[in-house]
């Protein structure tokens, strides 16, 4: 593993069969590329997919098992100009869908390809709601950062679109925020709410999403500026949210108490912290 620039350990996903296989899957950087591997704790990582573009920035790193049991990975374009996101032969700037052996999963748009969706700049978070609708965060575009509803085979526009394209060829984001107020990483879903944790924006957004996948009302902001850069986000089985801070890095402003895990408990009166 090579932790330099925007590279390092970028994503972790626990096997749905962990009780029997004791395996986790990791998205990580080497000096030459980004990779996905499987790991039994105490043993050496076994790569299942290599050759994901590696760069100083825009490496992506989202990794999660979907409700269908297949492994999804959000990758970065890895270039300043977005030359890979629209290239169907490149693994960069995509959401990939694969088996635990790193092979294209059955039902992918192209049978022999790992690509599930394309036209992404820097996917850093993946989640599904109770209807199995998929959401992904789009990080580090020059003007806007996005929350997308991800649909099989769709093109999300980068580099031709930054935010809403207004072109039927591209899927517009559910929400596009100015990058300085967002640049979000983690995303989680609970009940009818989708939440996303933001790095540059140093806040959490809560969005009420309708049954047909559209936004209801205005996103609610929480924790704005209170804990610094927010990165990973997970919905716990008890209905709470776990969010991590990410201030101990070159672009952050570290505090003596960083980095932290914060637990948010929601009630009828709003959110509280524990």
C-alpha atoms as a PDB file:
ATOM      1  CA  UNK A   1       0.000   0.000   0.000  1.00  0.00           C
ATOM      2  CA  UNK A   2       1.267   3.492  -0.859  1.00  0.00           C
ATOM      3  CA  UNK A   3      -0.273   6.329   1.158  1.00  0.00           C
ATOM      4  CA  UNK A   4       0.705   9.520  -0.643  1.00  0.00           C
ATOM      5  CA  UNK A   5      -1.303  12.408  -2.066  1.00  0.00           C
ATOM      6  CA  UNK A   6      -4.936  11.333  -2.214  1.00  0.00           C
ATOM      7  CA  UNK A   7      -3.992   7.660  -2.103  1.00  0.00           C
ATOM      8  CA  UNK A   8      -3.860   5.072   0.669  1.00  0.00           C
ATOM      9  CA  UNK A   9      -6.567   2.915   2.181  1.00  0.00           C
ATOM     10  CA  UNK A  10      -9.604   4.335   0.391  1.00  0.00           C
ATOM     11  CA  UNK A  11     -12.479   1.980   1.174  1.00  0.00           C
ATOM     12  CA  UNK A  12     -13.531  -1.037   3.241  1.00  0.00           C
ATOM     13  CA  UNK A  13     -16.485  -3.408   2.779  1.00  0.00           C
ATOM     14  CA  UNK A  14     -17.329  -6.370   4.979  1.00  0.00           C
ATOM     15  CA  UNK A  15     -18.241  -9.597   3.209  1.00  0.00           C
ATOM     16  CA  UNK A  16     -21.965 -10.424   3.506  1.00  0.00           C
ATOM     17  CA  UNK A  17     -20.736 -13.915   4.467  1.00  0.00           C
ATOM     18  CA  UNK A  18     -18.283 -12.666   7.083  1.00  0.00           C
ATOM     19  CA  UNK A  19     -19.597 -15.069   9.733  1.00  0.00           C
ATOM     20  CA  UNK A  20     -18.237 -17.944   7.657  1.00  0.00           C
ATOM     21  CA  UNK A  21     -15.485 -16.467   5.426  1.00  0.00           C
ATOM     22  CA  UNK A  22     -14.009 -13.864   7.873  1.00  0.00           C
ATOM     23  CA  UNK A  23     -13.213 -11.683   4.850  1.00  0.00           C
ATOM     24  CA  UNK A  24     -13.209  -7.942   4.291  1.00  0.00           C
ATOM     25  CA  UNK A  25     -12.629  -6.180   0.978  1.00  0.00           C
ATOM     26  CA  UNK A  26     -10.352  -3.162   0.692  1.00  0.00           C
ATOM     27  CA  UNK A  27      -9.792  -0.449  -1.915  1.00  0.00           C
ATOM     28  CA  UNK A  28      -6.173   0.700  -1.707  1.00  0.00           C
ATOM     29  CA  UNK A  29      -3.347   2.432  -3.563  1.00  0.00           C
ATOM     30  CA  UNK A  30       0.017   1.158  -4.726  1.00  0.00           C
ATOM     31  CA  UNK A  31       2.761   3.219  -6.342  1.00  0.00           C
ATOM     32  CA  UNK A  32       1.344   2.391  -9.795  1.00  0.00           C
ATOM     33  CA  UNK A  33      -2.412   1.918  -9.451  1.00  0.00           C
ATOM     34  CA  UNK A  34      -5.439   1.576  -7.200  1.00  0.00           C
ATOM     35  CA  UNK A  35      -6.631  -1.926  -6.368  1.00  0.00           C
ATOM     36  CA  UNK A  36      -9.400  -3.893  -4.730  1.00  0.00           C
ATOM     37  CA  UNK A  37      -8.410  -6.886  -2.670  1.00  0.00           C
ATOM     38  CA  UNK A  38      -9.817  -9.358  -0.201  1.00  0.00           C
ATOM     39  CA  UNK A  39      -8.315  -9.750   3.222  1.00  0.00           C
ATOM     40  CA  UNK A  40      -8.650 -12.223   6.031  1.00  0.00           C
ATOM     41  CA  UNK A  41      -7.325 -10.435   9.106  1.00  0.00           C
ATOM     42  CA  UNK A  42      -3.807 -11.548   9.923  1.00  0.00           C
ATOM     43  CA  UNK A  43      -3.100 -12.593   6.342  1.00  0.00           C
ATOM     44  CA  UNK A  44      -1.842 -10.840   3.203  1.00  0.00           C
ATOM     45  CA  UNK A  45      -4.206  -8.910   0.934  1.00  0.00           C
ATOM     46  CA  UNK A  46      -5.168 -10.866  -2.186  1.00  0.00           C
ATOM     47  CA  UNK A  47      -5.879  -8.479  -5.115  1.00  0.00           C
ATOM     48  CA  UNK A  48      -9.054  -9.220  -7.075  1.00  0.00           C
ATOM     49  CA  UNK A  49      -8.903  -6.137  -9.324  1.00  0.00           C
ATOM     50  CA  UNK A  50      -5.864  -4.102 -10.366  1.00  0.00           C
ATOM     51  CA  UNK A  51      -5.251  -1.273 -12.824  1.00  0.00           C
ATOM     52  CA  UNK A  52      -7.681   1.324 -11.476  1.00  0.00           C
ATOM     53  CA  UNK A  53      -6.085   4.679 -12.405  1.00  0.00           C
ATOM     54  CA  UNK A  54      -3.931   6.213  -9.652  1.00  0.00           C
ATOM     55  CA  UNK A  55      -3.136   9.908  -9.355  1.00  0.00           C
ATOM     56  CA  UNK A  56      -2.196  12.528  -6.778  1.00  0.00           C
ATOM     57  CA  UNK A  57      -5.904  13.348  -6.509  1.00  0.00           C
ATOM     58  CA  UNK A  58      -9.295  12.013  -7.678  1.00  0.00           C
ATOM     59  CA  UNK A  59      -8.718   8.361  -6.752  1.00  0.00           C
ATOM     60  CA  UNK A  60     -12.280   7.678  -5.657  1.00  0.00           C
ATOM     61  CA  UNK A  61     -12.457   4.936  -3.079  1.00  0.00           C
ATOM     62  CA  UNK A  62     -16.096   4.100  -2.386  1.00  0.00           C
ATOM     63  CA  UNK A  63     -16.584   0.395  -1.738  1.00  0.00           C
ATOM     64  CA  UNK A  64     -19.810  -1.324  -0.657  1.00  0.00           C
ATOM     65  CA  UNK A  65     -21.864  -4.458  -1.102  1.00  0.00           C
ATOM     66  CA  UNK A  66     -25.235  -3.773  -2.677  1.00  0.00           C
ATOM     67  CA  UNK A  67     -28.536  -5.374  -1.684  1.00  0.00           C
ATOM     68  CA  UNK A  68     -28.009  -7.763  -4.623  1.00  0.00           C
ATOM     69  CA  UNK A  69     -24.911  -9.209  -2.913  1.00  0.00           C
ATOM     70  CA  UNK A  70     -22.427  -7.858  -5.475  1.00  0.00           C
ATOM     71  CA  UNK A  71     -19.494  -5.552  -4.738  1.00  0.00           C
ATOM     72  CA  UNK A  72     -19.638  -1.960  -6.017  1.00  0.00           C
ATOM     73  CA  UNK A  73     -16.664   0.402  -6.277  1.00  0.00           C
ATOM     74  CA  UNK A  74     -16.648   4.139  -7.006  1.00  0.00           C
ATOM     75  CA  UNK A  75     -13.494   5.220  -8.802  1.00  0.00           C
ATOM     76  CA  UNK A  76     -11.957   8.599  -9.589  1.00  0.00           C
ATOM     77  CA  UNK A  77     -11.169   9.825 -13.070  1.00  0.00           C
ATOM     78  CA  UNK A  78      -7.562  10.379 -12.002  1.00  0.00           C
ATOM     79  CA  UNK A  79      -6.931  13.154 -14.531  1.00  0.00           C
ATOM     80  CA  UNK A  80      -7.285  16.930 -14.427  1.00  0.00           C
ATOM     81  CA  UNK A  81      -9.195  17.051 -17.698  1.00  0.00           C
ATOM     82  CA  UNK A  82     -11.549  14.106 -17.233  1.00  0.00           C
ATOM     83  CA  UNK A  83     -10.215  12.036 -20.099  1.00  0.00           C
ATOM     84  CA  UNK A  84     -11.075   8.662 -18.526  1.00  0.00           C
ATOM     85  CA  UNK A  85     -14.626   9.153 -17.239  1.00  0.00           C
ATOM     86  CA  UNK A  86     -16.109   8.926 -20.748  1.00  0.00           C
ATOM     87  CA  UNK A  87     -13.816   6.110 -21.913  1.00  0.00           C
ATOM     88  CA  UNK A  88     -15.735   2.810 -21.650  1.00  0.00           C
ATOM     89  CA  UNK A  89     -12.460   0.860 -21.654  1.00  0.00           C
ATOM     90  CA  UNK A  90     -11.078   2.671 -18.602  1.00  0.00           C
ATOM     91  CA  UNK A  91     -11.877   1.825 -14.975  1.00  0.00           C
ATOM     92  CA  UNK A  92     -11.462   5.505 -14.039  1.00  0.00           C
ATOM     93  CA  UNK A  93     -14.423   7.801 -13.381  1.00  0.00           C
ATOM     94  CA  UNK A  94     -16.863   4.913 -13.014  1.00  0.00           C
ATOM     95  CA  UNK A  95     -18.973   2.938 -10.623  1.00  0.00           C
ATOM     96  CA  UNK A  96     -17.976  -0.702 -11.023  1.00  0.00           C
ATOM     97  CA  UNK A  97     -20.037  -3.783 -10.131  1.00  0.00           C
ATOM     98  CA  UNK A  98     -18.310  -7.110  -9.620  1.00  0.00           C
ATOM     99  CA  UNK A  99     -18.309 -10.538  -8.049  1.00  0.00           C
ATOM    100  CA  UNK A 100     -16.080 -11.252  -5.056  1.00  0.00           C
ATOM    101  CA  UNK A 101     -13.572 -12.655  -7.553  1.00  0.00           C
ATOM    102  CA  UNK A 102     -13.338  -9.255  -9.286  1.00  0.00           C
ATOM    103  CA  UNK A 103     -15.257 -10.363 -12.381  1.00  0.00           C
ATOM    104  CA  UNK A 104     -18.130  -8.481 -14.086  1.00  0.00           C
ATOM    105  CA  UNK A 105     -21.320  -9.247 -12.188  1.00  0.00           C
ATOM    106  CA  UNK A 106     -24.278 -10.799 -14.010  1.00  0.00           C
ATOM    107  CA  UNK A 107     -26.659  -8.114 -15.286  1.00  0.00           C
ATOM    108  CA  UNK A 108     -24.066  -5.407 -15.903  1.00  0.00           C
ATOM    109  CA  UNK A 109     -24.863  -3.063 -18.841  1.00  0.00           C
ATOM    110  CA  UNK A 110     -22.153  -4.761 -20.923  1.00  0.00           C
ATOM    111  CA  UNK A 111     -21.731  -8.453 -20.100  1.00  0.00           C
ATOM    112  CA  UNK A 112     -17.927  -8.417 -20.290  1.00  0.00           C
ATOM    113  CA  UNK A 113     -17.427  -5.071 -18.503  1.00  0.00           C
ATOM    114  CA  UNK A 114     -17.252  -4.113 -14.824  1.00  0.00           C
ATOM    115  CA  UNK A 115     -18.806  -0.701 -15.564  1.00  0.00           C
ATOM    116  CA  UNK A 116     -22.179  -0.002 -13.963  1.00  0.00           C
ATOM    117  CA  UNK A 117     -22.248   3.786 -14.595  1.00  0.00           C
ATOM    118  CA  UNK A 118     -19.839   6.322 -16.100  1.00  0.00           C
ATOM    119  CA  UNK A 119     -19.089  10.035 -16.323  1.00  0.00           C
ATOM    120  CA  UNK A 120     -17.953  10.417 -12.706  1.00  0.00           C
ATOM    121  CA  UNK A 121     -15.219  12.717 -11.373  1.00  0.00           C
ATOM    122  CA  UNK A 122     -14.471  11.262  -7.929  1.00  0.00           C
ATOM    123  CA  UNK A 123     -16.995   8.917  -6.307  1.00  0.00           C
ATOM    124  CA  UNK A 124     -16.406   8.732  -2.542  1.00  0.00           C
ATOM    125  CA  UNK A 125     -19.608   7.333  -1.057  1.00  0.00           C
ATOM    126  CA  UNK A 126     -22.216   4.692  -1.947  1.00  0.00           C
ATOM    127  CA  UNK A 127     -25.440   3.633  -0.247  1.00  0.00           C
ATOM    128  CA  UNK A 128     -28.888   2.170  -0.947  1.00  0.00           C
ATOM    129  CA  UNK A 129     -32.243   3.076   0.566  1.00  0.00           C
ATOM    130  CA  UNK A 130     -34.951   0.668   1.697  1.00  0.00           C
ATOM    131  CA  UNK A 131     -36.310   0.476  -1.875  1.00  0.00           C
ATOM    132  CA  UNK A 132     -32.825  -0.593  -3.123  1.00  0.00           C
ATOM    133  CA  UNK A 133     -32.335   2.771  -4.851  1.00  0.00           C
ATOM    134  CA  UNK A 134     -28.611   3.604  -5.131  1.00  0.00           C
ATOM    135  CA  UNK A 135     -27.010   6.932  -4.148  1.00  0.00           C
ATOM    136  CA  UNK A 136     -23.440   8.160  -4.698  1.00  0.00           C
ATOM    137  CA  UNK A 137     -21.499  11.278  -3.744  1.00  0.00           C
ATOM    138  CA  UNK A 138     -19.506  13.095  -6.429  1.00  0.00           C
ATOM    139  CA  UNK A 139     -16.533  14.936  -4.944  1.00  0.00           C
ATOM    140  CA  UNK A 140     -14.076  17.625  -6.102  1.00  0.00           C
ATOM    141  CA  UNK A 141     -15.587  18.985  -9.297  1.00  0.00           C
ATOM    142  CA  UNK A 142     -14.439  22.581  -9.802  1.00  0.00           C
ATOM    143  CA  UNK A 143     -17.861  24.208  -9.395  1.00  0.00           C
ATOM    144  CA  UNK A 144     -20.222  21.714  -7.786  1.00  0.00           C
ATOM    145  CA  UNK A 145     -20.202  18.547  -5.742  1.00  0.00           C
ATOM    146  CA  UNK A 146     -23.150  16.230  -6.230  1.00  0.00           C
ATOM    147  CA  UNK A 147     -25.403  13.628  -4.733  1.00  0.00           C
ATOM    148  CA  UNK A 148     -26.568  11.318  -7.507  1.00  0.00           C
ATOM    149  CA  UNK A 149     -29.268   8.695  -7.805  1.00  0.00           C
ATOM    150  CA  UNK A 150     -27.354   6.010  -9.676  1.00  0.00           C
ATOM    151  CA  UNK A 151     -29.129   4.104 -12.433  1.00  0.00           C
ATOM    152  CA  UNK A 152     -27.680   1.183 -14.362  1.00  0.00           C
ATOM    153  CA  UNK A 153     -25.870   2.250 -17.533  1.00  0.00           C
ATOM    154  CA  UNK A 154     -26.349   6.012 -17.124  1.00  0.00           C
ATOM    155  CA  UNK A 155     -23.711   8.646 -17.893  1.00  0.00           C
ATOM    156  CA  UNK A 156     -23.323  11.314 -15.184  1.00  0.00           C
ATOM    157  CA  UNK A 157     -21.671  13.829 -17.435  1.00  0.00           C
ATOM    158  CA  UNK A 158     -18.124  14.519 -16.281  1.00  0.00           C
ATOM    159  CA  UNK A 159     -16.207  16.323 -17.761  1.00  0.00           C
ATOM    160  CA  UNK A 160     -18.911  17.724 -20.056  1.00  0.00           C
ATOM    161  CA  UNK A 161     -21.145  18.543 -17.081  1.00  0.00           C
ATOM    162  CA  UNK A 162     -20.254  20.026 -13.691  1.00  0.00           C
ATOM    163  CA  UNK A 163     -23.518  19.984 -11.735  1.00  0.00           C
ATOM    164  CA  UNK A 164     -26.760  19.894 -13.704  1.00  0.00           C
ATOM    165  CA  UNK A 165     -26.172  19.437 -17.425  1.00  0.00           C
ATOM    166  CA  UNK A 166     -29.677  20.040 -18.756  1.00  0.00           C
ATOM    167  CA  UNK A 167     -28.913  17.487 -21.470  1.00  0.00           C
ATOM    168  CA  UNK A 168     -30.922  14.283 -21.843  1.00  0.00           C
ATOM    169  CA  UNK A 169     -27.721  12.385 -22.625  1.00  0.00           C
ATOM    170  CA  UNK A 170     -26.592  12.853 -19.026  1.00  0.00           C
ATOM    171  CA  UNK A 171     -28.187  12.060 -15.681  1.00  0.00           C
ATOM    172  CA  UNK A 172     -28.559  15.211 -13.581  1.00  0.00           C
ATOM    173  CA  UNK A 173     -27.704  15.028  -9.872  1.00  0.00           C
ATOM    174  CA  UNK A 174     -30.382  14.854  -7.203  1.00  0.00           C
ATOM    175  CA  UNK A 175     -28.606  17.828  -5.586  1.00  0.00           C
ATOM    176  CA  UNK A 176     -25.601  19.909  -6.640  1.00  0.00           C
ATOM    177  CA  UNK A 177     -23.986  22.127  -4.003  1.00  0.00           C
ATOM    178  CA  UNK A 178     -21.182  24.670  -4.511  1.00  0.00           C
ATOM    179  CA  UNK A 179     -17.981  22.722  -3.867  1.00  0.00           C
ATOM    180  CA  UNK A 180     -16.832  25.014  -1.037  1.00  0.00           C
ATOM    181  CA  UNK A 181     -20.039  24.220   0.874  1.00  0.00           C
ATOM    182  CA  UNK A 182     -19.910  20.490   0.246  1.00  0.00           C
ATOM    183  CA  UNK A 183     -17.229  18.240  -1.314  1.00  0.00           C
ATOM    184  CA  UNK A 184     -18.984  15.360   0.438  1.00  0.00           C
ATOM    185  CA  UNK A 185     -17.630  11.891   1.121  1.00  0.00           C
ATOM    186  CA  UNK A 186     -19.767   9.455   3.081  1.00  0.00           C
ATOM    187  CA  UNK A 187     -23.454   8.866   2.385  1.00  0.00           C
ATOM    188  CA  UNK A 188     -26.031   6.857   4.336  1.00  0.00           C
ATOM    189  CA  UNK A 189     -29.765   6.163   4.189  1.00  0.00           C
ATOM    190  CA  UNK A 190     -32.335   5.623   6.930  1.00  0.00           C
ATOM    191  CA  UNK A 191     -36.132   5.670   6.650  1.00  0.00           C
ATOM    192  CA  UNK A 192     -36.896   8.290   3.936  1.00  0.00           C
ATOM    193  CA  UNK A 193     -33.751  10.301   4.695  1.00  0.00           C
ATOM    194  CA  UNK A 194     -30.433  10.329   2.875  1.00  0.00           C
ATOM    195  CA  UNK A 195     -27.507  11.920   4.721  1.00  0.00           C
ATOM    196  CA  UNK A 196     -24.113  12.953   3.412  1.00  0.00           C
ATOM    197  CA  UNK A 197     -20.979  14.076   5.271  1.00  0.00           C
ATOM    198  CA  UNK A 198     -18.932  16.903   3.779  1.00  0.00           C
ATOM    199  CA  UNK A 199     -15.234  17.690   3.866  1.00  0.00           C
ATOM    200  CA  UNK A 200     -14.809  21.251   2.596  1.00  0.00           C
ATOM    201  CA  UNK A 201     -18.341  22.109   3.741  1.00  0.00           C
ATOM    202  CA  UNK A 202     -17.641  20.783   7.275  1.00  0.00           C
ATOM    203  CA  UNK A 203     -21.271  19.814   7.729  1.00  0.00           C
ATOM    204  CA  UNK A 204     -23.833  17.070   7.395  1.00  0.00           C
ATOM    205  CA  UNK A 205     -26.742  17.377   4.972  1.00  0.00           C
ATOM    206  CA  UNK A 206     -30.026  15.555   5.588  1.00  0.00           C
ATOM    207  CA  UNK A 207     -32.305  15.125   2.576  1.00  0.00           C
ATOM    208  CA  UNK A 208     -35.907  13.960   2.538  1.00  0.00           C
ATOM    209  CA  UNK A 209     -36.273  11.775  -0.561  1.00  0.00           C
ATOM    210  CA  UNK A 210     -39.656  10.803  -2.009  1.00  0.00           C
ATOM    211  CA  UNK A 211     -40.679   7.321  -3.088  1.00  0.00           C
ATOM    212  CA  UNK A 212     -39.833   8.116  -6.728  1.00  0.00           C
ATOM    213  CA  UNK A 213     -36.339   9.350  -5.856  1.00  0.00           C
ATOM    214  CA  UNK A 214     -36.855  13.123  -5.970  1.00  0.00           C
ATOM    215  CA  UNK A 215     -35.970  15.684  -3.322  1.00  0.00           C
ATOM    216  CA  UNK A 216     -38.711  16.893  -0.976  1.00  0.00           C
ATOM    217  CA  UNK A 217     -38.096  20.366   0.448  1.00  0.00           C
ATOM    218  CA  UNK A 218     -34.667  21.824   1.236  1.00  0.00           C
ATOM    219  CA  UNK A 219     -31.732  19.823   2.630  1.00  0.00           C
ATOM    220  CA  UNK A 220     -31.181  20.365   6.355  1.00  0.00           C
ATOM    221  CA  UNK A 221     -27.693  21.225   7.647  1.00  0.00           C
ATOM    222  CA  UNK A 222     -26.243  19.799  10.862  1.00  0.00           C
ATOM    223  CA  UNK A 223     -22.885  20.185  12.666  1.00  0.00           C
ATOM    224  CA  UNK A 224     -21.808  23.048  10.377  1.00  0.00           C
ATOM    225  CA  UNK A 225     -18.246  23.996  11.291  1.00  0.00           C
ATOM    226  CA  UNK A 226     -18.488  22.248  14.668  1.00  0.00           C
ATOM    227  CA  UNK A 227     -16.137  19.298  14.155  1.00  0.00           C
ATOM    228  CA  UNK A 228     -14.257  20.246  10.994  1.00  0.00           C
ATOM    229  CA  UNK A 229     -14.059  18.008   7.955  1.00  0.00           C
ATOM    230  CA  UNK A 230     -16.573  15.145   7.966  1.00  0.00           C
ATOM    231  CA  UNK A 231     -15.817  12.067   5.872  1.00  0.00           C
ATOM    232  CA  UNK A 232     -17.198   8.562   6.532  1.00  0.00           C
ATOM    233  CA  UNK A 233     -20.876   8.088   7.355  1.00  0.00           C
ATOM    234  CA  UNK A 234     -22.736   4.920   8.371  1.00  0.00           C
ATOM    235  CA  UNK A 235     -26.319   4.233   9.419  1.00  0.00           C
ATOM    236  CA  UNK A 236     -26.315   1.905  12.433  1.00  0.00           C
ATOM    237  CA  UNK A 237     -28.947  -0.802  13.043  1.00  0.00           C
ATOM    238  CA  UNK A 238     -30.307   1.172  16.028  1.00  0.00           C
ATOM    239  CA  UNK A 239     -31.221   4.146  13.814  1.00  0.00           C
ATOM    240  CA  UNK A 240     -28.281   6.335  14.775  1.00  0.00           C
ATOM    241  CA  UNK A 241     -25.635   7.734  12.415  1.00  0.00           C
ATOM    242  CA  UNK A 242     -21.897   7.346  12.882  1.00  0.00           C
ATOM    243  CA  UNK A 243     -19.724  10.016  11.243  1.00  0.00           C
ATOM    244  CA  UNK A 244     -15.931  10.381  11.288  1.00  0.00           C
ATOM    245  CA  UNK A 245     -13.883  13.559  11.173  1.00  0.00           C
ATOM    246  CA  UNK A 246     -10.928  13.909   8.808  1.00  0.00           C
ATOM    247  CA  UNK A 247      -8.800  16.794  10.031  1.00  0.00           C
ATOM    248  CA  UNK A 248      -5.435  15.089  10.453  1.00  0.00           C
ATOM    249  CA  UNK A 249      -4.286  15.585   6.889  1.00  0.00           C
ATOM    250  CA  UNK A 250      -2.516  18.205   4.793  1.00  0.00           C
ATOM    251  CA  UNK A 251      -5.669  20.030   3.744  1.00  0.00           C
ATOM    252  CA  UNK A 252      -7.267  19.979   7.202  1.00  0.00           C
ATOM    253  CA  UNK A 253      -6.982  21.928  10.429  1.00  0.00           C
ATOM    254  CA  UNK A 254      -6.128  19.336  13.090  1.00  0.00           C
ATOM    255  CA  UNK A 255      -7.393  19.717  16.626  1.00  0.00           C
ATOM    256  CA  UNK A 256      -5.840  17.964  19.656  1.00  0.00           C
ATOM    257  CA  UNK A 257      -8.949  15.768  19.918  1.00  0.00           C
ATOM    258  CA  UNK A 258      -8.976  14.706  16.249  1.00  0.00           C
ATOM    259  CA  UNK A 259      -9.777  12.420  14.681  1.00  0.00           C
ATOM    260  CA  UNK A 260     -13.094  11.372  16.160  1.00  0.00           C
ATOM    261  CA  UNK A 261     -16.146   9.211  15.663  1.00  0.00           C
ATOM    262  CA  UNK A 262     -19.423  11.006  16.376  1.00  0.00           C
ATOM    263  CA  UNK A 263     -22.736   9.265  17.044  1.00  0.00           C
ATOM    264  CA  UNK A 264     -25.934  11.097  16.157  1.00  0.00           C
ATOM    265  CA  UNK A 265     -29.227   9.967  17.651  1.00  0.00           C
ATOM    266  CA  UNK A 266     -32.435  11.204  16.045  1.00  0.00           C
ATOM    267  CA  UNK A 267     -35.748  11.875  17.745  1.00  0.00           C
ATOM    268  CA  UNK A 268     -38.962  13.717  16.874  1.00  0.00           C
ATOM    269  CA  UNK A 269     -37.335  16.899  18.065  1.00  0.00           C
ATOM    270  CA  UNK A 270     -34.273  16.593  15.862  1.00  0.00           C
ATOM    271  CA  UNK A 271     -30.798  15.137  16.245  1.00  0.00           C
ATOM    272  CA  UNK A 272     -28.717  14.834  19.354  1.00  0.00           C
ATOM    273  CA  UNK A 273     -25.148  13.630  19.857  1.00  0.00           C
ATOM    274  CA  UNK A 274     -23.938  10.864  22.112  1.00  0.00           C
END
